[in-house]
Amino acid sequence: MDKTIFLCGFMGCGKTTVGKILAEKSGRNFFDLDDLIVETEGRTIPEIFAQNGEEYFRAVESRLITELNGDTVVALGGGAVLRKENTAAAKRSGVIVFIDTDFDICYSRICGDSNRPLASNADRAELLQRFQSRYPIYRAAGDITVSGSGAPDDIADKILAYIS
């Protein structure tokens, strides 16, 4: 059985888009961790944050990361690898790929997205600061780093070439 491919990176870097293509090309199942949390909890991410807070959300995220393994591609949430235990759990069952996408590209994709509680309530400067503080953590977590510039299909091909 192949190892799980975990995709990490900042909000809007292309984890879900690339992940779906990568799963299709490699014959794996695809899971978007945020979508899985919504399905598991039966409520939206903004509702989870409002009703239980970010810490609760992160605990659910951690539990699901430890449960996902096998022939899968998992798009992690932007904050998933901020917890060392999540990074360790992902590395135990697979490989972490950091999709290194320029902040301006990420920002253009996430600004005004009401389904992203950490983005919808922040201005550009706050998001840039969050991006800059997380960047070294993403770099350190990634077993493999691929550029997030270019077509999603090409990025998926690059990842496949690295893991083959």
N, C-alpha and C. Protein backbone atom coordinates (compact mmCIF):
# COMPACT_ATOMS: atom_id res chain seq x y z
N MET A 1 0.85 -1.19 0.00
CA MET A 1 0.00 0.00 0.00
C MET A 1 0.89 1.25 0.00
N ASP A 2 0.52 2.20 -0.81
CA ASP A 2 1.28 3.44 -0.90
C ASP A 2 1.06 4.31 0.32
N LYS A 3 2.02 5.15 0.57
CA LYS A 3 1.89 6.09 1.68
C LYS A 3 0.93 7.22 1.31
N THR A 4 0.37 7.82 2.33
CA THR A 4 -0.50 8.97 2.14
C THR A 4 0.34 10.17 1.73
N ILE A 5 -0.19 10.97 0.82
CA ILE A 5 0.46 12.22 0.42
C ILE A 5 -0.32 13.35 1.07
N PHE A 6 0.32 14.05 1.99
CA PHE A 6 -0.29 15.19 2.67
C PHE A 6 0.23 16.47 2.02
N LEU A 7 -0.68 17.33 1.60
CA LEU A 7 -0.31 18.61 0.99
C LEU A 7 -0.47 19.71 2.02
N CYS A 8 0.60 20.49 2.21
CA CYS A 8 0.53 21.60 3.16
C CYS A 8 0.89 22.90 2.47
N GLY A 9 0.52 23.99 3.11
CA GLY A 9 0.81 25.31 2.59
C GLY A 9 -0.23 26.29 3.07
N PHE A 10 0.00 27.55 2.75
CA PHE A 10 -0.89 28.62 3.22
C PHE A 10 -2.26 28.50 2.55
N MET A 11 -3.25 29.10 3.19
CA MET A 11 -4.58 29.17 2.61
C MET A 11 -4.49 29.70 1.18
N GLY A 12 -5.16 29.04 0.25
CA GLY A 12 -5.18 29.51 -1.12
C GLY A 12 -3.99 29.11 -1.97
N CYS A 13 -3.11 28.25 -1.45
CA CYS A 13 -1.91 27.87 -2.21
C CYS A 13 -2.20 26.85 -3.30
N GLY A 14 -3.36 26.21 -3.25
CA GLY A 14 -3.72 25.24 -4.28
C GLY A 14 -3.79 23.80 -3.81
N LYS A 15 -3.81 23.58 -2.50
CA LYS A 15 -3.80 22.21 -1.97
C LYS A 15 -4.97 21.38 -2.49
N THR A 16 -6.17 21.92 -2.45
CA THR A 16 -7.35 21.16 -2.85
C THR A 16 -7.37 20.93 -4.36
N THR A 17 -7.12 21.96 -5.12
CA THR A 17 -7.14 21.84 -6.59
C THR A 17 -6.08 20.85 -7.06
N VAL A 18 -4.86 21.02 -6.58
CA VAL A 18 -3.77 20.12 -6.96
C VAL A 18 -4.03 18.72 -6.41
N GLY A 19 -4.54 18.65 -5.19
CA GLY A 19 -4.80 17.36 -4.55
C GLY A 19 -5.77 16.50 -5.33
N LYS A 20 -6.83 17.10 -5.83
CA LYS A 20 -7.81 16.33 -6.62
C LYS A 20 -7.17 15.77 -7.89
N ILE A 21 -6.39 16.59 -8.56
CA ILE A 21 -5.70 16.15 -9.79
C ILE A 21 -4.69 15.06 -9.46
N LEU A 22 -3.92 15.27 -8.41
CA LEU A 22 -2.91 14.30 -7.99
C LEU A 22 -3.54 12.96 -7.64
N ALA A 23 -4.66 12.99 -6.93
CA ALA A 23 -5.35 11.75 -6.56
C ALA A 23 -5.82 11.01 -7.80
N GLU A 24 -6.38 11.75 -8.74
CA GLU A 24 -6.86 11.13 -9.98
C GLU A 24 -5.71 10.50 -10.76
N LYS A 25 -4.61 11.23 -10.89
CA LYS A 25 -3.47 10.74 -11.66
C LYS A 25 -2.79 9.54 -11.00
N SER A 26 -2.84 9.48 -9.68
CA SER A 26 -2.13 8.41 -8.96
C SER A 26 -3.04 7.28 -8.51
N GLY A 27 -4.33 7.38 -8.82
CA GLY A 27 -5.27 6.33 -8.44
C GLY A 27 -5.55 6.27 -6.94
N ARG A 28 -5.38 7.39 -6.27
CA ARG A 28 -5.64 7.45 -4.83
C ARG A 28 -6.98 8.12 -4.56
N ASN A 29 -7.47 7.96 -3.34
CA ASN A 29 -8.63 8.71 -2.88
C ASN A 29 -8.16 10.10 -2.48
N PHE A 30 -9.08 11.06 -2.51
CA PHE A 30 -8.75 12.42 -2.13
C PHE A 30 -9.63 12.86 -0.97
N PHE A 31 -9.00 13.52 0.01
CA PHE A 31 -9.73 14.13 1.12
C PHE A 31 -9.22 15.54 1.33
N ASP A 32 -10.15 16.48 1.41
CA ASP A 32 -9.82 17.82 1.86
C ASP A 32 -10.12 17.81 3.35
N LEU A 33 -9.12 18.02 4.17
CA LEU A 33 -9.29 17.89 5.62
C LEU A 33 -10.36 18.84 6.15
N ASP A 34 -10.41 20.07 5.64
CA ASP A 34 -11.45 21.00 6.10
C ASP A 34 -12.84 20.47 5.77
N ASP A 35 -13.02 19.92 4.57
CA ASP A 35 -14.32 19.36 4.19
C ASP A 35 -14.67 18.16 5.07
N LEU A 36 -13.66 17.36 5.39
CA LEU A 36 -13.87 16.20 6.24
C LEU A 36 -14.29 16.63 7.65
N ILE A 37 -13.71 17.70 8.14
CA ILE A 37 -14.10 18.23 9.45
C ILE A 37 -15.55 18.71 9.42
N VAL A 38 -15.93 19.42 8.36
CA VAL A 38 -17.31 19.90 8.22
C VAL A 38 -18.28 18.70 8.20
N GLU A 39 -17.91 17.68 7.45
CA GLU A 39 -18.75 16.48 7.35
C GLU A 39 -18.85 15.77 8.70
N THR A 40 -17.73 15.62 9.38
CA THR A 40 -17.69 14.94 10.67
C THR A 40 -18.47 15.71 11.74
N GLU A 41 -18.32 17.02 11.73
CA GLU A 41 -18.95 17.86 12.75
C GLU A 41 -20.40 18.24 12.42
N GLY A 42 -20.76 18.15 11.14
CA GLY A 42 -22.12 18.52 10.74
C GLY A 42 -22.39 20.01 10.82
N ARG A 43 -21.34 20.80 10.68
CA ARG A 43 -21.48 22.26 10.70
C ARG A 43 -20.29 22.88 9.99
N THR A 44 -20.44 24.15 9.62
CA THR A 44 -19.39 24.83 8.86
C THR A 44 -18.20 25.17 9.75
N ILE A 45 -17.08 25.46 9.12
CA ILE A 45 -15.89 25.87 9.87
C ILE A 45 -16.15 27.16 10.66
N PRO A 46 -16.78 28.18 10.04
CA PRO A 46 -17.09 29.38 10.84
C PRO A 46 -17.97 29.06 12.06
N GLU A 47 -18.90 28.11 11.91
CA GLU A 47 -19.75 27.72 13.05
C GLU A 47 -18.92 27.04 14.14
N ILE A 48 -18.01 26.16 13.72
CA ILE A 48 -17.15 25.47 14.69
C ILE A 48 -16.31 26.50 15.46
N PHE A 49 -15.69 27.44 14.72
CA PHE A 49 -14.88 28.48 15.36
C PHE A 49 -15.73 29.31 16.32
N ALA A 50 -16.93 29.70 15.89
CA ALA A 50 -17.79 30.56 16.72
C ALA A 50 -18.30 29.82 17.95
N GLN A 51 -18.66 28.55 17.79
CA GLN A 51 -19.28 27.81 18.89
C GLN A 51 -18.27 27.16 19.83
N ASN A 52 -17.13 26.71 19.30
CA ASN A 52 -16.18 25.96 20.12
C ASN A 52 -14.77 26.52 20.12
N GLY A 53 -14.47 27.43 19.20
CA GLY A 53 -13.15 28.06 19.15
C GLY A 53 -12.16 27.30 18.28
N GLU A 54 -11.05 27.98 18.02
CA GLU A 54 -10.02 27.40 17.15
C GLU A 54 -9.37 26.17 17.77
N GLU A 55 -9.19 26.16 19.08
CA GLU A 55 -8.53 25.04 19.74
C GLU A 55 -9.32 23.74 19.52
N TYR A 56 -10.64 23.81 19.63
CA TYR A 56 -11.48 22.64 19.39
C TYR A 56 -11.33 22.17 17.94
N PHE A 57 -11.38 23.13 17.01
CA PHE A 57 -11.21 22.81 15.59
C PHE A 57 -9.89 22.08 15.37
N ARG A 58 -8.81 22.60 15.97
CA ARG A 58 -7.48 22.00 15.81
C ARG A 58 -7.43 20.59 16.39
N ALA A 59 -8.16 20.35 17.48
CA ALA A 59 -8.19 19.01 18.09
C ALA A 59 -8.87 18.01 17.14
N VAL A 60 -9.96 18.41 16.51
CA VAL A 60 -10.65 17.55 15.55
C VAL A 60 -9.72 17.28 14.36
N GLU A 61 -9.06 18.32 13.90
CA GLU A 61 -8.10 18.23 12.80
C GLU A 61 -7.01 17.20 13.14
N SER A 62 -6.46 17.29 14.33
CA SER A 62 -5.39 16.37 14.76
C SER A 62 -5.88 14.93 14.76
N ARG A 63 -7.07 14.70 15.29
CA ARG A 63 -7.62 13.34 15.34
C ARG A 63 -7.77 12.76 13.94
N LEU A 64 -8.28 13.55 13.02
CA LEU A 64 -8.50 13.06 11.66
C LEU A 64 -7.19 12.79 10.93
N ILE A 65 -6.17 13.60 11.17
CA ILE A 65 -4.87 13.37 10.53
C ILE A 65 -4.32 12.00 10.92
N THR A 66 -4.50 11.62 12.17
CA THR A 66 -3.99 10.32 12.62
C THR A 66 -4.79 9.17 12.03
N GLU A 67 -6.03 9.43 11.62
CA GLU A 67 -6.88 8.37 11.07
C GLU A 67 -6.73 8.19 9.56
N LEU A 68 -6.20 9.20 8.87
CA LEU A 68 -6.08 9.13 7.41
C LEU A 68 -4.76 8.48 7.02
N ASN A 69 -4.84 7.36 6.35
CA ASN A 69 -3.63 6.72 5.85
C ASN A 69 -3.98 5.77 4.72
N GLY A 70 -2.97 5.35 4.01
CA GLY A 70 -3.19 4.46 2.88
C GLY A 70 -3.09 5.18 1.57
N ASP A 71 -3.80 4.67 0.58
CA ASP A 71 -3.74 5.22 -0.77
C ASP A 71 -4.57 6.49 -0.89
N THR A 72 -4.12 7.54 -0.22
CA THR A 72 -4.88 8.78 -0.22
C THR A 72 -3.99 10.00 -0.44
N VAL A 73 -4.64 11.05 -0.91
CA VAL A 73 -4.05 12.38 -0.97
C VAL A 73 -4.90 13.23 -0.04
N VAL A 74 -4.26 13.94 0.87
CA VAL A 74 -4.97 14.76 1.84
C VAL A 74 -4.51 16.21 1.72
N ALA A 75 -5.47 17.10 1.46
CA ALA A 75 -5.19 18.53 1.49
C ALA A 75 -5.38 18.98 2.93
N LEU A 76 -4.28 19.28 3.60
CA LEU A 76 -4.35 19.74 4.99
C LEU A 76 -4.83 21.18 5.03
N GLY A 77 -5.45 21.55 6.14
CA GLY A 77 -5.80 22.95 6.34
C GLY A 77 -4.54 23.78 6.50
N GLY A 78 -4.64 25.06 6.26
CA GLY A 78 -3.48 25.94 6.32
C GLY A 78 -2.76 25.96 7.65
N GLY A 79 -3.47 25.63 8.73
CA GLY A 79 -2.85 25.65 10.05
C GLY A 79 -2.50 24.29 10.60
N ALA A 80 -2.74 23.24 9.85
CA ALA A 80 -2.58 21.88 10.37
C ALA A 80 -1.17 21.57 10.85
N VAL A 81 -0.16 21.97 10.09
CA VAL A 81 1.21 21.62 10.47
C VAL A 81 1.80 22.56 11.53
N LEU A 82 0.99 23.50 12.01
CA LEU A 82 1.46 24.36 13.10
C LEU A 82 1.58 23.56 14.39
N ARG A 83 0.84 22.48 14.47
CA ARG A 83 0.95 21.56 15.61
C ARG A 83 1.98 20.50 15.27
N LYS A 84 3.00 20.41 16.09
CA LYS A 84 4.07 19.44 15.84
C LYS A 84 3.54 18.00 15.79
N GLU A 85 2.54 17.70 16.61
CA GLU A 85 2.00 16.33 16.61
C GLU A 85 1.31 15.99 15.29
N ASN A 86 0.73 16.99 14.62
CA ASN A 86 0.12 16.75 13.31
C ASN A 86 1.19 16.43 12.27
N THR A 87 2.26 17.21 12.30
CA THR A 87 3.35 16.97 11.36
C THR A 87 3.93 15.58 11.60
N ALA A 88 4.15 15.22 12.85
CA ALA A 88 4.71 13.90 13.18
C ALA A 88 3.78 12.78 12.73
N ALA A 89 2.48 12.93 12.96
CA ALA A 89 1.50 11.91 12.56
C ALA A 89 1.47 11.75 11.04
N ALA A 90 1.51 12.87 10.33
CA ALA A 90 1.50 12.82 8.86
C ALA A 90 2.76 12.13 8.35
N LYS A 91 3.90 12.45 8.93
CA LYS A 91 5.16 11.85 8.49
C LYS A 91 5.21 10.35 8.78
N ARG A 92 4.55 9.93 9.86
CA ARG A 92 4.52 8.49 10.19
C ARG A 92 3.75 7.69 9.13
N SER A 93 2.68 8.28 8.60
CA SER A 93 1.86 7.52 7.66
C SER A 93 2.06 7.92 6.21
N GLY A 94 2.93 8.90 5.97
CA GLY A 94 3.12 9.31 4.58
C GLY A 94 4.19 10.33 4.39
N VAL A 95 3.99 11.14 3.38
CA VAL A 95 4.95 12.16 2.99
C VAL A 95 4.20 13.50 2.95
N ILE A 96 4.87 14.57 3.40
CA ILE A 96 4.28 15.90 3.37
C ILE A 96 4.91 16.69 2.22
N VAL A 97 4.05 17.24 1.38
CA VAL A 97 4.48 18.06 0.26
C VAL A 97 4.05 19.50 0.53
N PHE A 98 5.02 20.40 0.58
CA PHE A 98 4.74 21.82 0.76
C PHE A 98 4.57 22.46 -0.61
N ILE A 99 3.38 23.03 -0.84
CA ILE A 99 3.12 23.77 -2.08
C ILE A 99 3.47 25.23 -1.81
N ASP A 100 4.61 25.64 -2.31
CA ASP A 100 5.20 26.95 -2.04
C ASP A 100 4.66 27.96 -3.05
N THR A 101 3.62 28.67 -2.64
CA THR A 101 2.93 29.62 -3.51
C THR A 101 3.13 31.04 -2.98
N ASP A 102 3.40 31.98 -3.88
CA ASP A 102 3.61 33.37 -3.53
C ASP A 102 2.40 33.94 -2.78
N PHE A 103 2.66 34.77 -1.78
CA PHE A 103 1.59 35.33 -0.97
C PHE A 103 0.53 36.04 -1.81
N ASP A 104 0.95 36.83 -2.79
CA ASP A 104 -0.03 37.59 -3.58
C ASP A 104 -1.02 36.68 -4.30
N ILE A 105 -0.55 35.53 -4.75
CA ILE A 105 -1.45 34.56 -5.39
C ILE A 105 -2.43 34.02 -4.35
N CYS A 106 -1.91 33.62 -3.20
CA CYS A 106 -2.78 33.12 -2.13
C CYS A 106 -3.80 34.18 -1.73
N TYR A 107 -3.33 35.40 -1.56
CA TYR A 107 -4.21 36.47 -1.12
C TYR A 107 -5.35 36.71 -2.11
N SER A 108 -5.02 36.68 -3.40
CA SER A 108 -6.06 36.92 -4.41
C SER A 108 -7.14 35.83 -4.36
N ARG A 109 -6.78 34.65 -3.89
CA ARG A 109 -7.72 33.53 -3.83
C ARG A 109 -8.54 33.52 -2.54
N ILE A 110 -8.01 34.09 -1.46
CA ILE A 110 -8.68 33.97 -0.16
C ILE A 110 -9.34 35.25 0.34
N CYS A 111 -8.96 36.42 -0.19
CA CYS A 111 -9.51 37.66 0.36
C CYS A 111 -11.03 37.66 0.21
N GLY A 112 -11.70 37.96 1.29
CA GLY A 112 -13.15 38.02 1.29
C GLY A 112 -13.86 36.68 1.35
N ASP A 113 -13.12 35.58 1.54
CA ASP A 113 -13.75 34.26 1.61
C ASP A 113 -14.34 34.06 3.00
N SER A 114 -15.66 34.14 3.09
CA SER A 114 -16.33 34.06 4.40
C SER A 114 -16.25 32.67 5.02
N ASN A 115 -15.83 31.66 4.26
CA ASN A 115 -15.71 30.31 4.81
C ASN A 115 -14.34 30.08 5.45
N ARG A 116 -13.49 31.10 5.44
CA ARG A 116 -12.17 31.01 6.06
C ARG A 116 -12.12 32.01 7.21
N PRO A 117 -12.45 31.55 8.43
CA PRO A 117 -12.53 32.48 9.56
C PRO A 117 -11.25 33.28 9.80
N LEU A 118 -10.09 32.67 9.57
CA LEU A 118 -8.85 33.38 9.83
C LEU A 118 -8.50 34.36 8.72
N ALA A 119 -9.18 34.25 7.57
CA ALA A 119 -8.94 35.17 6.45
C ALA A 119 -10.03 36.23 6.34
N SER A 120 -11.27 35.85 6.60
CA SER A 120 -12.37 36.78 6.38
C SER A 120 -12.35 37.96 7.34
N ASN A 121 -11.75 37.76 8.51
CA ASN A 121 -11.70 38.84 9.50
C ASN A 121 -10.36 39.55 9.55
N ALA A 122 -9.52 39.32 8.55
CA ALA A 122 -8.18 39.92 8.54
C ALA A 122 -7.97 40.75 7.28
N ASP A 123 -7.18 41.81 7.43
CA ASP A 123 -6.83 42.60 6.25
C ASP A 123 -5.56 42.04 5.62
N ARG A 124 -5.14 42.64 4.52
CA ARG A 124 -3.99 42.13 3.77
C ARG A 124 -2.73 42.08 4.65
N ALA A 125 -2.49 43.13 5.42
CA ALA A 125 -1.29 43.19 6.26
C ALA A 125 -1.29 42.08 7.30
N GLU A 126 -2.45 41.82 7.89
CA GLU A 126 -2.55 40.75 8.89
C GLU A 126 -2.31 39.38 8.25
N LEU A 127 -2.86 39.18 7.07
CA LEU A 127 -2.66 37.90 6.37
C LEU A 127 -1.21 37.73 5.94
N LEU A 128 -0.58 38.82 5.49
CA LEU A 128 0.83 38.74 5.11
C LEU A 128 1.68 38.36 6.33
N GLN A 129 1.37 38.95 7.47
CA GLN A 129 2.11 38.62 8.70
C GLN A 129 1.91 37.14 9.05
N ARG A 130 0.68 36.65 8.93
CA ARG A 130 0.39 35.23 9.22
C ARG A 130 1.16 34.34 8.23
N PHE A 131 1.16 34.72 6.96
CA PHE A 131 1.88 33.97 5.92
C PHE A 131 3.38 33.91 6.27
N GLN A 132 3.95 35.07 6.60
CA GLN A 132 5.39 35.13 6.90
C GLN A 132 5.75 34.33 8.14
N SER A 133 4.88 34.32 9.14
CA SER A 133 5.18 33.56 10.36
C SER A 133 5.04 32.06 10.13
N ARG A 134 4.15 31.67 9.24
CA ARG A 134 3.94 30.24 8.98
C ARG A 134 4.92 29.66 7.95
N TYR A 135 5.43 30.49 7.08
CA TYR A 135 6.27 30.01 5.97
C TYR A 135 7.40 29.09 6.42
N PRO A 136 8.21 29.47 7.42
CA PRO A 136 9.29 28.57 7.83
C PRO A 136 8.77 27.25 8.41
N ILE A 137 7.59 27.27 8.98
CA ILE A 137 7.00 26.03 9.53
C ILE A 137 6.61 25.11 8.39
N TYR A 138 6.00 25.67 7.34
CA TYR A 138 5.66 24.86 6.16
C TYR A 138 6.93 24.26 5.53
N ARG A 139 7.96 25.10 5.40
CA ARG A 139 9.23 24.63 4.81
C ARG A 139 9.80 23.47 5.60
N ALA A 140 9.78 23.62 6.92
CA ALA A 140 10.34 22.58 7.79
C ALA A 140 9.50 21.31 7.77
N ALA A 141 8.19 21.45 7.66
CA ALA A 141 7.29 20.29 7.68
C ALA A 141 7.38 19.48 6.40
N GLY A 142 7.60 20.16 5.27
CA GLY A 142 7.57 19.48 3.98
C GLY A 142 8.76 18.56 3.77
N ASP A 143 8.46 17.32 3.44
CA ASP A 143 9.50 16.39 3.02
C ASP A 143 9.95 16.77 1.61
N ILE A 144 9.01 17.32 0.86
CA ILE A 144 9.22 17.75 -0.52
C ILE A 144 8.62 19.14 -0.65
N THR A 145 9.28 20.03 -1.38
CA THR A 145 8.73 21.35 -1.66
C THR A 145 8.59 21.49 -3.17
N VAL A 146 7.38 21.91 -3.60
CA VAL A 146 7.17 22.19 -5.02
C VAL A 146 6.66 23.62 -5.16
N SER A 147 7.03 24.25 -6.25
CA SER A 147 6.55 25.60 -6.52
C SER A 147 5.06 25.55 -6.82
N GLY A 148 4.33 26.50 -6.23
CA GLY A 148 2.91 26.59 -6.48
C GLY A 148 2.56 27.48 -7.66
N SER A 149 3.58 27.94 -8.38
CA SER A 149 3.28 28.74 -9.57
C SER A 149 3.18 27.79 -10.76
N GLY A 150 2.28 28.08 -11.65
CA GLY A 150 2.05 27.21 -12.79
C GLY A 150 0.70 26.54 -12.71
N ALA A 151 0.40 25.76 -13.73
CA ALA A 151 -0.89 25.09 -13.82
C ALA A 151 -0.98 23.97 -12.78
N PRO A 152 -2.15 23.81 -12.15
CA PRO A 152 -2.32 22.74 -11.16
C PRO A 152 -1.93 21.36 -11.69
N ASP A 153 -2.22 21.10 -12.95
CA ASP A 153 -1.87 19.82 -13.58
C ASP A 153 -0.35 19.61 -13.57
N ASP A 154 0.39 20.68 -13.86
CA ASP A 154 1.86 20.60 -13.87
C ASP A 154 2.40 20.40 -12.45
N ILE A 155 1.79 21.06 -11.48
CA ILE A 155 2.22 20.91 -10.09
C ILE A 155 2.00 19.47 -9.64
N ALA A 156 0.85 18.90 -10.00
CA ALA A 156 0.56 17.50 -9.66
C ALA A 156 1.60 16.57 -10.30
N ASP A 157 1.96 16.85 -11.55
CA ASP A 157 2.99 16.04 -12.23
C ASP A 157 4.34 16.12 -11.51
N LYS A 158 4.70 17.32 -11.04
CA LYS A 158 5.95 17.50 -10.31
C LYS A 158 5.95 16.65 -9.04
N ILE A 159 4.82 16.66 -8.32
CA ILE A 159 4.71 15.88 -7.09
C ILE A 159 4.84 14.38 -7.40
N LEU A 160 4.16 13.94 -8.45
CA LEU A 160 4.23 12.53 -8.84
C LEU A 160 5.67 12.13 -9.18
N ALA A 161 6.39 13.03 -9.86
CA ALA A 161 7.78 12.74 -10.22
C ALA A 161 8.63 12.59 -8.96
N TYR A 162 8.39 13.43 -7.96
CA TYR A 162 9.17 13.35 -6.72
C TYR A 162 8.90 12.06 -5.96
N ILE A 163 7.65 11.66 -5.90
CA ILE A 163 7.32 10.49 -5.07
C ILE A 163 7.49 9.16 -5.78
N SER A 164 7.69 9.19 -7.07
CA SER A 164 7.85 7.92 -7.82
C SER A 164 9.23 7.33 -7.62
